[in-house]
C-alpha atoms as a PDB file:
ATOM      1  CA  MET A   1     -18.141  28.197   4.472  1.00  0.00           C
ATOM      2  CA  ARG A   2     -16.671  24.703   4.388  1.00  0.00           C
ATOM      3  CA  CYS A   3     -17.019  21.808   2.018  1.00  0.00           C
ATOM      4  CA  PRO A   4     -20.180  20.042   3.252  1.00  0.00           C
ATOM      5  CA  TRP A   5     -18.491  16.726   4.126  1.00  0.00           C
ATOM      6  CA  ALA A   6     -16.437  18.429   6.837  1.00  0.00           C
ATOM      7  CA  ASN A   7     -19.305  19.535   9.043  1.00  0.00           C
ATOM      8  CA  SER A   8     -20.030  16.192  10.719  1.00  0.00           C
ATOM      9  CA  SER A   9     -17.575  16.523  13.636  1.00  0.00           C
ATOM     10  CA  GLU A  10     -14.838  18.684  15.123  1.00  0.00           C
ATOM     11  CA  GLU A  11     -12.208  16.189  13.920  1.00  0.00           C
ATOM     12  CA  MET A  12     -13.517  16.378  10.376  1.00  0.00           C
ATOM     13  CA  GLN A  13     -13.627  20.194  10.500  1.00  0.00           C
ATOM     14  CA  SER A  14     -10.082  20.357  11.806  1.00  0.00           C
ATOM     15  CA  TYR A  15      -8.819  17.959   9.138  1.00  0.00           C
ATOM     16  CA  HIS A  16     -10.628  19.928   6.425  1.00  0.00           C
ATOM     17  CA  ASP A  17      -9.515  23.341   7.652  1.00  0.00           C
ATOM     18  CA  ASN A  18      -5.891  22.527   8.479  1.00  0.00           C
ATOM     19  CA  GLU A  19      -4.784  19.638   6.272  1.00  0.00           C
ATOM     20  CA  TRP A  20      -7.032  18.584   3.397  1.00  0.00           C
ATOM     21  CA  CYS A  21      -5.662  19.794   0.059  1.00  0.00           C
ATOM     22  CA  LYS A  22      -2.835  21.725   1.755  1.00  0.00           C
ATOM     23  CA  VAL A  23       0.452  21.303  -0.098  1.00  0.00           C
ATOM     24  CA  SER A  24       2.868  19.048   1.759  1.00  0.00           C
ATOM     25  CA  HIS A  25       6.272  17.595   0.994  1.00  0.00           C
ATOM     26  CA  ASP A  26       6.720  16.072   4.448  1.00  0.00           C
ATOM     27  CA  GLU A  27       7.774  12.456   4.062  1.00  0.00           C
ATOM     28  CA  ARG A  28       6.299  11.267   7.372  1.00  0.00           C
ATOM     29  CA  TYR A  29       2.987  12.950   6.560  1.00  0.00           C
ATOM     30  CA  PHE A  30       2.938  11.309   3.120  1.00  0.00           C
ATOM     31  CA  PHE A  31       3.300   7.883   4.712  1.00  0.00           C
ATOM     32  CA  GLU A  32       0.702   8.704   7.362  1.00  0.00           C
ATOM     33  CA  MET A  33      -1.821   9.785   4.744  1.00  0.00           C
ATOM     34  CA  LEU A  34      -1.091   6.786   2.517  1.00  0.00           C
ATOM     35  CA  THR A  35      -1.664   4.509   5.513  1.00  0.00           C
ATOM     36  CA  LEU A  36      -4.838   6.244   6.633  1.00  0.00           C
ATOM     37  CA  GLU A  37      -6.234   6.290   3.105  1.00  0.00           C
ATOM     38  CA  LEU A  38      -5.573   2.589   2.553  1.00  0.00           C
ATOM     39  CA  SER A  39      -7.121   1.884   5.950  1.00  0.00           C
ATOM     40  CA  GLN A  40     -10.259   3.717   4.873  1.00  0.00           C
ATOM     41  CA  ALA A  41     -10.978   1.307   2.005  1.00  0.00           C
ATOM     42  CA  GLY A  42     -14.584   0.213   2.509  1.00  0.00           C
ATOM     43  CA  LEU A  43     -15.072   2.546   5.471  1.00  0.00           C
ATOM     44  CA  SER A  44     -15.814   6.214   6.087  1.00  0.00           C
ATOM     45  CA  TRP A  45     -13.150   8.864   6.561  1.00  0.00           C
ATOM     46  CA  ALA A  46     -14.812   9.787   9.876  1.00  0.00           C
ATOM     47  CA  THR A  47     -14.092   6.246  11.127  1.00  0.00           C
ATOM     48  CA  ILE A  48     -10.402   6.640  10.305  1.00  0.00           C
ATOM     49  CA  ILE A  49     -10.054  10.182  11.685  1.00  0.00           C
ATOM     50  CA  LYS A  50     -11.468   8.970  15.020  1.00  0.00           C
ATOM     51  CA  ARG A  51      -8.717   6.335  15.131  1.00  0.00           C
ATOM     52  CA  ARG A  52      -5.887   8.571  13.949  1.00  0.00           C
ATOM     53  CA  GLU A  53      -4.147   8.769  17.325  1.00  0.00           C
ATOM     54  CA  GLY A  54      -4.455   5.002  17.627  1.00  0.00           C
ATOM     55  CA  TYR A  55      -2.696   4.661  14.288  1.00  0.00           C
ATOM     56  CA  ARG A  56       0.056   7.021  15.371  1.00  0.00           C
ATOM     57  CA  GLU A  57       0.655   4.956  18.508  1.00  0.00           C
ATOM     58  CA  ALA A  58       0.408   1.585  16.790  1.00  0.00           C
ATOM     59  CA  PHE A  59       2.598   2.570  13.850  1.00  0.00           C
ATOM     60  CA  ALA A  60       5.444   4.340  15.677  1.00  0.00           C
ATOM     61  CA  ASP A  61       4.211   7.812  14.694  1.00  0.00           C
ATOM     62  CA  PHE A  62       4.625   6.690  11.082  1.00  0.00           C
ATOM     63  CA  ASP A  63       8.384   6.279  11.353  1.00  0.00           C
ATOM     64  CA  VAL A  64       9.095   4.298   8.185  1.00  0.00           C
ATOM     65  CA  ALA A  65      12.404   2.893   9.446  1.00  0.00           C
ATOM     66  CA  LYS A  66      10.755   1.474  12.571  1.00  0.00           C
ATOM     67  CA  ILE A  67       7.734   0.068  10.758  1.00  0.00           C
ATOM     68  CA  ALA A  68       9.948  -1.550   8.113  1.00  0.00           C
ATOM     69  CA  GLN A  69      11.354  -3.660  10.952  1.00  0.00           C
ATOM     70  CA  PHE A  70       7.973  -4.919  12.218  1.00  0.00           C
ATOM     71  CA  ASP A  71       8.002  -8.709  12.422  1.00  0.00           C
ATOM     72  CA  ASP A  72       5.277 -11.359  12.667  1.00  0.00           C
ATOM     73  CA  ALA A  73       4.949 -10.857  16.431  1.00  0.00           C
ATOM     74  CA  LYS A  74       4.363  -7.129  15.917  1.00  0.00           C
ATOM     75  CA  LYS A  75       1.833  -7.879  13.168  1.00  0.00           C
ATOM     76  CA  ALA A  76      -0.055 -10.184  15.542  1.00  0.00           C
ATOM     77  CA  GLU A  77      -0.010  -7.451  18.188  1.00  0.00           C
ATOM     78  CA  LEU A  78      -1.387  -4.910  15.716  1.00  0.00           C
ATOM     79  CA  LEU A  79      -4.238  -7.234  14.788  1.00  0.00           C
ATOM     80  CA  GLN A  80      -5.330  -7.162  18.449  1.00  0.00           C
ATOM     81  CA  ASN A  81      -5.126  -3.359  18.729  1.00  0.00           C
ATOM     82  CA  PRO A  82      -8.611  -1.788  19.022  1.00  0.00           C
ATOM     83  CA  GLY A  83      -7.140   1.643  18.177  1.00  0.00           C
ATOM     84  CA  ILE A  84      -6.784   0.739  14.488  1.00  0.00           C
ATOM     85  CA  ILE A  85      -8.725  -1.124  11.833  1.00  0.00           C
ATOM     86  CA  ARG A  86      -7.706  -4.708  12.565  1.00  0.00           C
ATOM     87  CA  ASN A  87      -7.589  -5.969   9.018  1.00  0.00           C
ATOM     88  CA  LYS A  88      -4.704  -8.297   8.229  1.00  0.00           C
ATOM     89  CA  LEU A  89      -4.428  -7.204   4.595  1.00  0.00           C
ATOM     90  CA  LYS A  90      -4.331  -3.512   5.544  1.00  0.00           C
ATOM     91  CA  VAL A  91      -1.784  -4.061   8.335  1.00  0.00           C
ATOM     92  CA  ASN A  92       0.412  -6.115   6.004  1.00  0.00           C
ATOM     93  CA  ALA A  93       0.069  -3.478   3.273  1.00  0.00           C
ATOM     94  CA  THR A  94       1.185  -0.739   5.671  1.00  0.00           C
ATOM     95  CA  ILE A  95       4.301  -2.684   6.671  1.00  0.00           C
ATOM     96  CA  ASN A  96       5.028  -3.629   3.048  1.00  0.00           C
ATOM     97  CA  ASN A  97       4.662  -0.013   1.950  1.00  0.00           C
ATOM     98  CA  ALA A  98       6.950   1.156   4.772  1.00  0.00           C
ATOM     99  CA  ARG A  99       9.609  -1.294   3.612  1.00  0.00           C
ATOM    100  CA  LEU A 100       9.345  -0.015   0.040  1.00  0.00           C
ATOM    101  CA  ILE A 101       9.584   3.608   1.177  1.00  0.00           C
ATOM    102  CA  GLN A 102      12.558   2.711   3.381  1.00  0.00           C
ATOM    103  CA  GLY A 103      14.158   1.219   0.266  1.00  0.00           C
ATOM    104  CA  MET A 104      13.562   4.528  -1.505  1.00  0.00           C
ATOM    105  CA  HIS A 105      15.187   6.371   1.398  1.00  0.00           C
ATOM    106  CA  ASP A 106      18.163   4.008   1.257  1.00  0.00           C
ATOM    107  CA  ARG A 107      18.594   5.118  -2.373  1.00  0.00           C
ATOM    108  CA  ASN A 108      18.274   8.796  -1.355  1.00  0.00           C
ATOM    109  CA  GLU A 109      14.789   8.978  -2.886  1.00  0.00           C
ATOM    110  CA  LYS A 110      11.598  10.248  -1.296  1.00  0.00           C
ATOM    111  CA  LEU A 111       7.993   9.176  -1.749  1.00  0.00           C
ATOM    112  CA  SER A 112       6.943  12.834  -1.724  1.00  0.00           C
ATOM    113  CA  ASP A 113       9.321  13.702  -4.591  1.00  0.00           C
ATOM    114  CA  TYR A 114       8.166  10.632  -6.522  1.00  0.00           C
ATOM    115  CA  ILE A 115       4.509  11.706  -6.215  1.00  0.00           C
ATOM    116  CA  TRP A 116       5.094  15.399  -6.902  1.00  0.00           C
ATOM    117  CA  ASN A 117       7.046  14.539 -10.077  1.00  0.00           C
ATOM    118  CA  PHE A 118       3.797  13.317 -11.648  1.00  0.00           C
ATOM    119  CA  VAL A 119       2.514  16.926 -11.619  1.00  0.00           C
ATOM    120  CA  ASP A 120       5.829  18.739 -12.209  1.00  0.00           C
ATOM    121  CA  ASN A 121       5.746  19.871  -8.565  1.00  0.00           C
ATOM    122  CA  LYS A 122       2.657  22.037  -9.153  1.00  0.00           C
ATOM    123  CA  PRO A 123      -0.616  21.376  -7.312  1.00  0.00           C
ATOM    124  CA  ILE A 124      -3.719  20.906  -9.420  1.00  0.00           C
ATOM    125  CA  ILE A 125      -6.452  23.297  -8.334  1.00  0.00           C
ATOM    126  CA  ASN A 126      -9.812  21.989  -9.444  1.00  0.00           C
ATOM    127  CA  HIS A 127     -12.968  24.075  -9.624  1.00  0.00           C
ATOM    128  CA  TYR A 128     -16.142  22.398  -8.454  1.00  0.00           C
ATOM    129  CA  SER A 129     -19.368  23.993  -7.292  1.00  0.00           C
ATOM    130  CA  ASP A 130     -20.885  20.840  -5.784  1.00  0.00           C
ATOM    131  CA  MET A 131     -19.439  17.763  -4.075  1.00  0.00           C
ATOM    132  CA  SER A 132     -21.256  15.560  -6.596  1.00  0.00           C
ATOM    133  CA  GLU A 133     -18.849  16.854  -9.261  1.00  0.00           C
ATOM    134  CA  LEU A 134     -15.760  15.400  -7.571  1.00  0.00           C
ATOM    135  CA  PRO A 135     -14.581  12.218  -9.280  1.00  0.00           C
ATOM    136  CA  ALA A 136     -13.655   9.070  -7.372  1.00  0.00           C
ATOM    137  CA  GLN A 137     -10.575   8.695  -9.568  1.00  0.00           C
ATOM    138  CA  THR A 138      -8.908  10.336 -12.537  1.00  0.00           C
ATOM    139  CA  GLU A 139      -6.359   9.495 -15.192  1.00  0.00           C
ATOM    140  CA  LEU A 140      -3.681  10.888 -12.849  1.00  0.00           C
ATOM    141  CA  SER A 141      -4.694   8.671  -9.930  1.00  0.00           C
ATOM    142  CA  GLN A 142      -4.909   5.684 -12.282  1.00  0.00           C
ATOM    143  CA  THR A 143      -1.400   6.362 -13.605  1.00  0.00           C
ATOM    144  CA  ILE A 144       0.112   6.766 -10.127  1.00  0.00           C
ATOM    145  CA  SER A 145      -1.762   3.715  -8.850  1.00  0.00           C
ATOM    146  CA  LYS A 146      -0.459   1.571 -11.700  1.00  0.00           C
ATOM    147  CA  ASP A 147       3.093   2.801 -11.163  1.00  0.00           C
ATOM    148  CA  LEU A 148       2.977   2.239  -7.383  1.00  0.00           C
ATOM    149  CA  LYS A 149       1.669  -1.286  -7.937  1.00  0.00           C
ATOM    150  CA  LYS A 150       4.595  -1.993 -10.302  1.00  0.00           C
ATOM    151  CA  LEU A 151       6.917  -0.903  -7.488  1.00  0.00           C
ATOM    152  CA  GLY A 152       5.213  -3.397  -5.146  1.00  0.00           C
ATOM    153  CA  PHE A 153       2.974  -1.062  -3.118  1.00  0.00           C
ATOM    154  CA  ARG A 154      -0.293  -2.542  -1.865  1.00  0.00           C
ATOM    155  CA  PHE A 155      -3.757  -1.074  -1.334  1.00  0.00           C
ATOM    156  CA  VAL A 156      -3.002   1.719  -3.777  1.00  0.00           C
ATOM    157  CA  GLY A 157      -5.941   1.519  -6.166  1.00  0.00           C
ATOM    158  CA  PRO A 158      -6.875   4.620  -8.153  1.00  0.00           C
ATOM    159  CA  THR A 159      -9.654   5.671  -5.751  1.00  0.00           C
ATOM    160  CA  ILE A 160      -7.375   5.399  -2.711  1.00  0.00           C
ATOM    161  CA  ILE A 161      -4.675   7.307  -4.581  1.00  0.00           C
ATOM    162  CA  TYR A 162      -7.128  10.041  -5.594  1.00  0.00           C
ATOM    163  CA  SER A 163      -8.009  10.606  -1.917  1.00  0.00           C
ATOM    164  CA  PHE A 164      -4.332  10.454  -1.008  1.00  0.00           C
ATOM    165  CA  LEU A 165      -3.502  13.146  -3.582  1.00  0.00           C
ATOM    166  CA  GLN A 166      -6.148  15.369  -1.995  1.00  0.00           C
ATOM    167  CA  ALA A 167      -4.766  14.638   1.473  1.00  0.00           C
ATOM    168  CA  VAL A 168      -1.224  15.760   0.614  1.00  0.00           C
ATOM    169  CA  GLY A 169      -2.250  18.755  -1.477  1.00  0.00           C
ATOM    170  CA  VAL A 170      -1.322  17.507  -4.927  1.00  0.00           C
ATOM    171  CA  LEU A 171      -5.011  18.079  -5.687  1.00  0.00           C
ATOM    172  CA  ASN A 172      -7.025  20.956  -4.288  1.00  0.00           C
ATOM    173  CA  ASP A 173     -10.662  19.908  -4.471  1.00  0.00           C
ATOM    174  CA  HIS A 174     -12.169  22.426  -2.054  1.00  0.00           C
ATOM    175  CA  LEU A 175     -15.396  23.690  -3.551  1.00  0.00           C
ATOM    176  CA  ASP A 176     -15.140  27.126  -5.105  1.00  0.00           C
ATOM    177  CA  SER A 177     -17.527  28.371  -2.397  1.00  0.00           C
ATOM    178  CA  CYS A 178     -15.271  27.042   0.389  1.00  0.00           C
ATOM    179  CA  ASP A 179     -13.378  29.607   2.455  1.00  0.00           C
ATOM    180  CA  PHE A 180     -10.433  27.188   2.680  1.00  0.00           C
ATOM    181  CA  LYS A 181      -9.810  26.890  -1.097  1.00  0.00           C
END
């Protein structure tokens, strides 16, 4: 048994079975998921998963130090890349966020530690019997969203952050009936 949303394609099944709600502290993965989640805004997750390899190529395999150096010429190139969502605001947000994370790294801080501190380094395991019970956002995602915005992050609204928290395993929202809980 899988959560029903994951049955639409092999990519979605693989993401569900191997990544979604799995605890991670990997800094590159955190940035990848933040980027993919912000890219999803207004779109389906299936659309983003299909373009994931395109994102990895376009965004230097989510190497924050490299992306922090992207200039206007690179931005223009990205906006012509059919392998990603060619939205200027989303591309600019990704580069902005990389620069902020690089600043954290320069201060010997990590985005993953920053996020995990909100939950005292313990994943939240929710218990839902139906997908309709899952919220779009919570007080936690609102708090993190507000704090990230104060730090200068972009495209980090509470709904995006809720999905991001699921993606990196801070939240485990697999249905109770799911074999991958």
